[in-house]
N, C-alpha and C. Protein backbone atom coordinates (compact mmCIF):
# COMPACT_ATOMS: atom_id res chain seq x y z
N UNK A 1 119.51 16.94 86.76
CA UNK A 1 120.78 17.20 87.42
C UNK A 1 121.82 16.34 86.74
N UNK A 2 122.94 16.96 86.38
CA UNK A 2 123.98 16.25 85.68
C UNK A 2 124.82 15.41 86.69
N UNK A 3 125.01 16.02 87.89
CA UNK A 3 125.78 15.31 88.93
C UNK A 3 124.85 14.36 89.70
N UNK A 4 125.28 13.17 89.93
CA UNK A 4 124.41 12.25 90.72
C UNK A 4 124.43 12.63 92.20
N UNK A 5 123.39 12.29 92.90
CA UNK A 5 123.36 12.48 94.36
C UNK A 5 124.18 11.35 94.99
N UNK A 6 124.83 11.75 96.07
CA UNK A 6 125.54 10.71 96.86
C UNK A 6 124.74 10.39 98.09
N UNK A 7 124.46 9.10 98.23
CA UNK A 7 123.57 8.66 99.37
C UNK A 7 124.38 7.71 100.20
N UNK A 8 124.34 7.94 101.52
CA UNK A 8 125.01 7.04 102.45
C UNK A 8 124.02 6.69 103.53
N UNK A 9 123.75 5.40 103.77
CA UNK A 9 122.83 4.94 104.80
C UNK A 9 123.60 3.99 105.77
N UNK A 10 123.29 4.10 107.08
CA UNK A 10 123.95 3.29 108.05
C UNK A 10 122.92 2.94 109.11
N UNK A 11 122.86 1.64 109.47
CA UNK A 11 121.94 1.19 110.52
C UNK A 11 122.71 1.27 111.87
N UNK A 12 122.05 1.87 112.88
CA UNK A 12 122.68 2.12 114.15
C UNK A 12 121.68 1.82 115.26
N UNK A 13 121.74 0.64 115.86
CA UNK A 13 120.88 0.33 116.97
C UNK A 13 119.39 0.35 116.68
N UNK A 14 119.01 -0.16 115.51
CA UNK A 14 117.61 -0.23 115.14
C UNK A 14 117.08 0.93 114.36
N UNK A 15 117.88 1.98 114.20
CA UNK A 15 117.49 3.13 113.38
C UNK A 15 118.44 3.23 112.23
N UNK A 16 117.97 3.84 111.14
CA UNK A 16 118.75 4.01 109.93
C UNK A 16 118.97 5.48 109.71
N UNK A 17 120.28 5.90 109.66
CA UNK A 17 120.64 7.26 109.35
C UNK A 17 120.95 7.37 107.86
N UNK A 18 120.31 8.31 107.16
CA UNK A 18 120.55 8.51 105.73
C UNK A 18 121.09 9.86 105.53
N UNK A 19 122.22 9.93 104.86
CA UNK A 19 122.83 11.22 104.51
C UNK A 19 122.90 11.36 102.99
N UNK A 20 122.47 12.54 102.49
CA UNK A 20 122.43 12.75 101.02
C UNK A 20 123.21 14.01 100.74
N UNK A 21 124.15 13.89 99.78
CA UNK A 21 124.93 15.04 99.29
C UNK A 21 124.48 15.34 97.86
N UNK A 22 123.94 16.52 97.62
CA UNK A 22 123.44 16.87 96.30
C UNK A 22 123.85 18.25 95.95
N UNK A 23 123.98 18.54 94.63
CA UNK A 23 124.33 19.87 94.17
C UNK A 23 123.04 20.66 93.95
N UNK A 24 123.10 21.94 94.34
CA UNK A 24 121.97 22.79 94.10
C UNK A 24 122.44 24.21 93.74
N UNK A 25 121.56 25.05 93.25
CA UNK A 25 121.98 26.32 92.67
C UNK A 25 122.09 27.48 93.70
N UNK A 26 121.73 27.24 94.91
CA UNK A 26 121.92 28.33 95.89
C UNK A 26 123.41 28.56 96.25
N UNK A 27 123.71 29.80 96.64
CA UNK A 27 125.08 30.08 97.06
C UNK A 27 125.38 29.44 98.36
N UNK A 28 126.62 29.07 98.62
CA UNK A 28 126.98 28.39 99.82
C UNK A 28 127.20 29.34 100.99
N UNK A 29 127.38 30.63 100.74
CA UNK A 29 127.64 31.59 101.82
C UNK A 29 129.13 31.69 102.18
N UNK A 30 129.96 31.03 101.47
CA UNK A 30 131.38 30.99 101.70
C UNK A 30 132.16 32.05 100.94
N UNK A 31 131.47 32.90 100.12
CA UNK A 31 132.18 33.87 99.40
C UNK A 31 132.61 34.95 100.32
N UNK A 32 133.88 35.51 100.03
CA UNK A 32 134.43 36.61 100.86
C UNK A 32 133.77 37.91 100.46
N UNK A 33 133.61 38.81 101.48
CA UNK A 33 133.04 40.15 101.20
C UNK A 33 134.12 40.99 100.49
N UNK A 34 133.66 42.09 99.87
CA UNK A 34 134.56 43.00 99.13
C UNK A 34 135.46 43.76 100.09
N UNK A 35 135.07 43.93 101.33
CA UNK A 35 135.86 44.72 102.28
C UNK A 35 137.11 44.03 102.75
């Protein structure tokens, strides 16, 4: 992967939330229809 992954981790009341943003080859589903 040419683009690095973006990782964000935050501790909240004894638990750790980890969020990862990465690029992948699937379509996002945001493309407009031809109609």
